[in-house]
Amino acid sequence: MSQWFEATAPARIDLAGGTLDLWPLHVLHPGSCTINVAIDLRATCRVREGSTGFRVTVPGLGYERAVGEARELLADPRGALAGAVLEALEIREPREIELSSDVPFGSGLGGSSALTV
């Protein structure tokens, strides 16, 4: 089996500005600023070459999904983030992806942003 490549990034809290950096709010408030600070909760993504298609696992949630093409992940809310990143980066070669996070789902601490990094 091929070697895993791992990336990890911290979650964040908003000190000021909150969602003013998101469309369309930043358009409605030109010149606005968002001030964030990293916290000690982290998200981790491990990736390695796959044999066929794409396999995404989230061990902490008991989730595993194998598909032939990355765009097939977009229909599943639990795999959509991985599918969107693969599609945006135009990755077509087979990959195994393992996601984990200390960030509580839906907490507003930027867990999906940290996973995307």
C-alpha atoms as a PDB file:
ATOM      1  CA  MET A   1       0.000   0.000   0.000  1.00  0.00           C
ATOM      2  CA  SER A   2       1.200   3.526  -0.682  1.00  0.00           C
ATOM      3  CA  GLN A   3       2.257   6.062   1.936  1.00  0.00           C
ATOM      4  CA  TRP A   4      -0.301   8.277   3.676  1.00  0.00           C
ATOM      5  CA  PHE A   5       0.097  12.052   3.378  1.00  0.00           C
ATOM      6  CA  GLU A   6      -1.404  13.942   6.294  1.00  0.00           C
ATOM      7  CA  ALA A   7      -2.435  17.565   6.772  1.00  0.00           C
ATOM      8  CA  THR A   8      -3.935  19.095   9.877  1.00  0.00           C
ATOM      9  CA  ALA A   9      -5.302  22.557  10.597  1.00  0.00           C
ATOM     10  CA  PRO A  10      -6.756  24.270  13.659  1.00  0.00           C
ATOM     11  CA  ALA A  11     -10.355  25.342  14.057  1.00  0.00           C
ATOM     12  CA  ARG A  12     -11.050  28.970  14.885  1.00  0.00           C
ATOM     13  CA  ILE A  13     -13.273  31.279  16.858  1.00  0.00           C
ATOM     14  CA  ASP A  14     -14.514  34.629  15.602  1.00  0.00           C
ATOM     15  CA  LEU A  15     -13.548  37.588  17.767  1.00  0.00           C
ATOM     16  CA  ALA A  16     -15.244  40.080  15.488  1.00  0.00           C
ATOM     17  CA  GLY A  17     -17.011  40.141  12.153  1.00  0.00           C
ATOM     18  CA  GLY A  18     -18.374  36.590  12.235  1.00  0.00           C
ATOM     19  CA  THR A  19     -19.795  35.784   8.799  1.00  0.00           C
ATOM     20  CA  LEU A  20     -19.035  39.173   7.233  1.00  0.00           C
ATOM     21  CA  ASP A  21     -16.392  37.447   5.074  1.00  0.00           C
ATOM     22  CA  LEU A  22     -19.065  35.306   3.340  1.00  0.00           C
ATOM     23  CA  TRP A  23     -21.003  36.149   0.201  1.00  0.00           C
ATOM     24  CA  PRO A  24     -23.269  38.101  -0.014  1.00  0.00           C
ATOM     25  CA  LEU A  25     -22.614  39.759   3.341  1.00  0.00           C
ATOM     26  CA  HIS A  26     -19.184  41.070   2.335  1.00  0.00           C
ATOM     27  CA  VAL A  27     -20.811  42.757  -0.672  1.00  0.00           C
ATOM     28  CA  LEU A  28     -23.377  44.460   1.557  1.00  0.00           C
ATOM     29  CA  HIS A  29     -20.694  45.635   4.025  1.00  0.00           C
ATOM     30  CA  PRO A  30     -17.696  46.797   1.950  1.00  0.00           C
ATOM     31  CA  GLY A  31     -14.448  47.098   3.875  1.00  0.00           C
ATOM     32  CA  SER A  32     -15.652  44.863   6.689  1.00  0.00           C
ATOM     33  CA  CYS A  33     -13.138  42.733   8.599  1.00  0.00           C
ATOM     34  CA  THR A  34     -13.352  39.381  10.294  1.00  0.00           C
ATOM     35  CA  ILE A  35     -10.946  38.662  13.136  1.00  0.00           C
ATOM     36  CA  ASN A  36     -10.351  35.003  14.005  1.00  0.00           C
ATOM     37  CA  VAL A  37      -8.020  33.182  16.345  1.00  0.00           C
ATOM     38  CA  ALA A  38      -6.909  29.548  16.071  1.00  0.00           C
ATOM     39  CA  ILE A  39      -7.848  27.180  18.886  1.00  0.00           C
ATOM     40  CA  ASP A  40      -6.477  23.806  19.949  1.00  0.00           C
ATOM     41  CA  LEU A  41      -9.183  21.744  18.196  1.00  0.00           C
ATOM     42  CA  ARG A  42      -7.861  20.352  14.914  1.00  0.00           C
ATOM     43  CA  ALA A  43      -9.152  18.706  11.761  1.00  0.00           C
ATOM     44  CA  THR A  44      -7.032  16.131   9.938  1.00  0.00           C
ATOM     45  CA  CYS A  45      -7.096  14.751   6.408  1.00  0.00           C
ATOM     46  CA  ARG A  46      -5.018  11.756   5.341  1.00  0.00           C
ATOM     47  CA  VAL A  47      -4.701  10.887   1.635  1.00  0.00           C
ATOM     48  CA  ARG A  48      -2.969   8.129  -0.287  1.00  0.00           C
ATOM     49  CA  GLU A  49      -3.112   6.596  -3.735  1.00  0.00           C
ATOM     50  CA  GLY A  50      -6.034   4.279  -4.284  1.00  0.00           C
ATOM     51  CA  SER A  51      -6.425   1.299  -6.572  1.00  0.00           C
ATOM     52  CA  THR A  52      -9.729   2.304  -8.194  1.00  0.00           C
ATOM     53  CA  GLY A  53     -12.048   5.270  -7.710  1.00  0.00           C
ATOM     54  CA  PHE A  54     -12.273   7.133  -4.441  1.00  0.00           C
ATOM     55  CA  ARG A  55     -12.831   5.861  -0.906  1.00  0.00           C
ATOM     56  CA  VAL A  56     -13.697   8.312   1.870  1.00  0.00           C
ATOM     57  CA  THR A  57     -13.752   7.214   5.497  1.00  0.00           C
ATOM     58  CA  VAL A  58     -14.557   9.072   8.691  1.00  0.00           C
ATOM     59  CA  PRO A  59     -13.720   6.539  11.413  1.00  0.00           C
ATOM     60  CA  GLY A  60     -15.160   8.676  14.224  1.00  0.00           C
ATOM     61  CA  LEU A  61     -18.579   8.612  12.539  1.00  0.00           C
ATOM     62  CA  GLY A  62     -18.430   5.044  11.245  1.00  0.00           C
ATOM     63  CA  TYR A  63     -18.688   6.422   7.699  1.00  0.00           C
ATOM     64  CA  GLU A  64     -17.148   4.814   4.629  1.00  0.00           C
ATOM     65  CA  ARG A  65     -18.076   5.334   0.993  1.00  0.00           C
ATOM     66  CA  ALA A  66     -16.427   4.122  -2.202  1.00  0.00           C
ATOM     67  CA  VAL A  67     -17.305   5.659  -5.565  1.00  0.00           C
ATOM     68  CA  GLY A  68     -15.973   5.485  -9.102  1.00  0.00           C
ATOM     69  CA  GLU A  69     -15.839   9.258  -9.613  1.00  0.00           C
ATOM     70  CA  ALA A  70     -15.420  12.113  -7.132  1.00  0.00           C
ATOM     71  CA  ARG A  71     -18.605  13.869  -8.268  1.00  0.00           C
ATOM     72  CA  GLU A  72     -20.635  10.920  -6.940  1.00  0.00           C
ATOM     73  CA  LEU A  73     -19.705  12.057  -3.426  1.00  0.00           C
ATOM     74  CA  LEU A  74     -21.564  15.348  -3.911  1.00  0.00           C
ATOM     75  CA  ALA A  75     -24.956  13.669  -3.431  1.00  0.00           C
ATOM     76  CA  ASP A  76     -24.040  12.446   0.063  1.00  0.00           C
ATOM     77  CA  PRO A  77     -23.863  15.203   2.723  1.00  0.00           C
ATOM     78  CA  ARG A  78     -21.225  13.256   4.671  1.00  0.00           C
ATOM     79  CA  GLY A  79     -18.954  12.912   1.626  1.00  0.00           C
ATOM     80  CA  ALA A  80     -19.820  16.141  -0.197  1.00  0.00           C
ATOM     81  CA  LEU A  81     -16.937  18.212   1.187  1.00  0.00           C
ATOM     82  CA  ALA A  82     -14.361  15.659   0.008  1.00  0.00           C
ATOM     83  CA  GLY A  83     -16.124  15.404  -3.359  1.00  0.00           C
ATOM     84  CA  ALA A  84     -16.214  19.185  -3.781  1.00  0.00           C
ATOM     85  CA  VAL A  85     -12.500  19.541  -3.008  1.00  0.00           C
ATOM     86  CA  LEU A  86     -11.566  16.698  -5.371  1.00  0.00           C
ATOM     87  CA  GLU A  87     -13.691  18.242  -8.122  1.00  0.00           C
ATOM     88  CA  ALA A  88     -12.355  21.781  -7.551  1.00  0.00           C
ATOM     89  CA  LEU A  89      -8.759  20.524  -7.718  1.00  0.00           C
ATOM     90  CA  GLU A  90      -9.610  18.324 -10.726  1.00  0.00           C
ATOM     91  CA  ILE A  91      -8.162  15.233  -9.066  1.00  0.00           C
ATOM     92  CA  ARG A  92      -9.045  12.220 -11.197  1.00  0.00           C
ATOM     93  CA  GLU A  93      -6.505   9.646  -9.984  1.00  0.00           C
ATOM     94  CA  PRO A  94      -7.839   7.089  -7.466  1.00  0.00           C
ATOM     95  CA  ARG A  95      -7.441   8.174  -3.839  1.00  0.00           C
ATOM     96  CA  GLU A  96      -8.206   6.934  -0.360  1.00  0.00           C
ATOM     97  CA  ILE A  97      -9.184   9.763   1.985  1.00  0.00           C
ATOM     98  CA  GLU A  98      -9.566   9.573   5.741  1.00  0.00           C
ATOM     99  CA  LEU A  99     -11.057  12.518   7.641  1.00  0.00           C
ATOM    100  CA  SER A 100     -11.091  13.175  11.371  1.00  0.00           C
ATOM    101  CA  SER A 101     -11.838  16.181  13.515  1.00  0.00           C
ATOM    102  CA  ASP A 102     -11.848  17.273  17.135  1.00  0.00           C
ATOM    103  CA  VAL A 103     -14.305  20.010  16.141  1.00  0.00           C
ATOM    104  CA  PRO A 104     -17.950  19.260  17.048  1.00  0.00           C
ATOM    105  CA  PHE A 105     -20.146  19.084  13.931  1.00  0.00           C
ATOM    106  CA  GLY A 106     -22.206  22.265  13.479  1.00  0.00           C
ATOM    107  CA  SER A 107     -20.341  24.150  16.219  1.00  0.00           C
ATOM    108  CA  GLY A 108     -19.468  27.130  14.013  1.00  0.00           C
ATOM    109  CA  LEU A 109     -15.777  26.739  14.799  1.00  0.00           C
ATOM    110  CA  GLY A 110     -14.740  26.284  11.164  1.00  0.00           C
ATOM    111  CA  GLY A 111     -14.314  22.500  11.168  1.00  0.00           C
ATOM    112  CA  SER A 112     -15.125  22.148   7.463  1.00  0.00           C
ATOM    113  CA  SER A 113     -12.760  25.007   6.624  1.00  0.00           C
ATOM    114  CA  ALA A 114     -10.008  23.324   8.624  1.00  0.00           C
ATOM    115  CA  LEU A 115     -10.666  20.017   6.821  1.00  0.00           C
ATOM    116  CA  THR A 116     -10.509  21.783   3.471  1.00  0.00           C
ATOM    117  CA  VAL A 117      -7.080  23.195   4.335  1.00  0.00           C
END
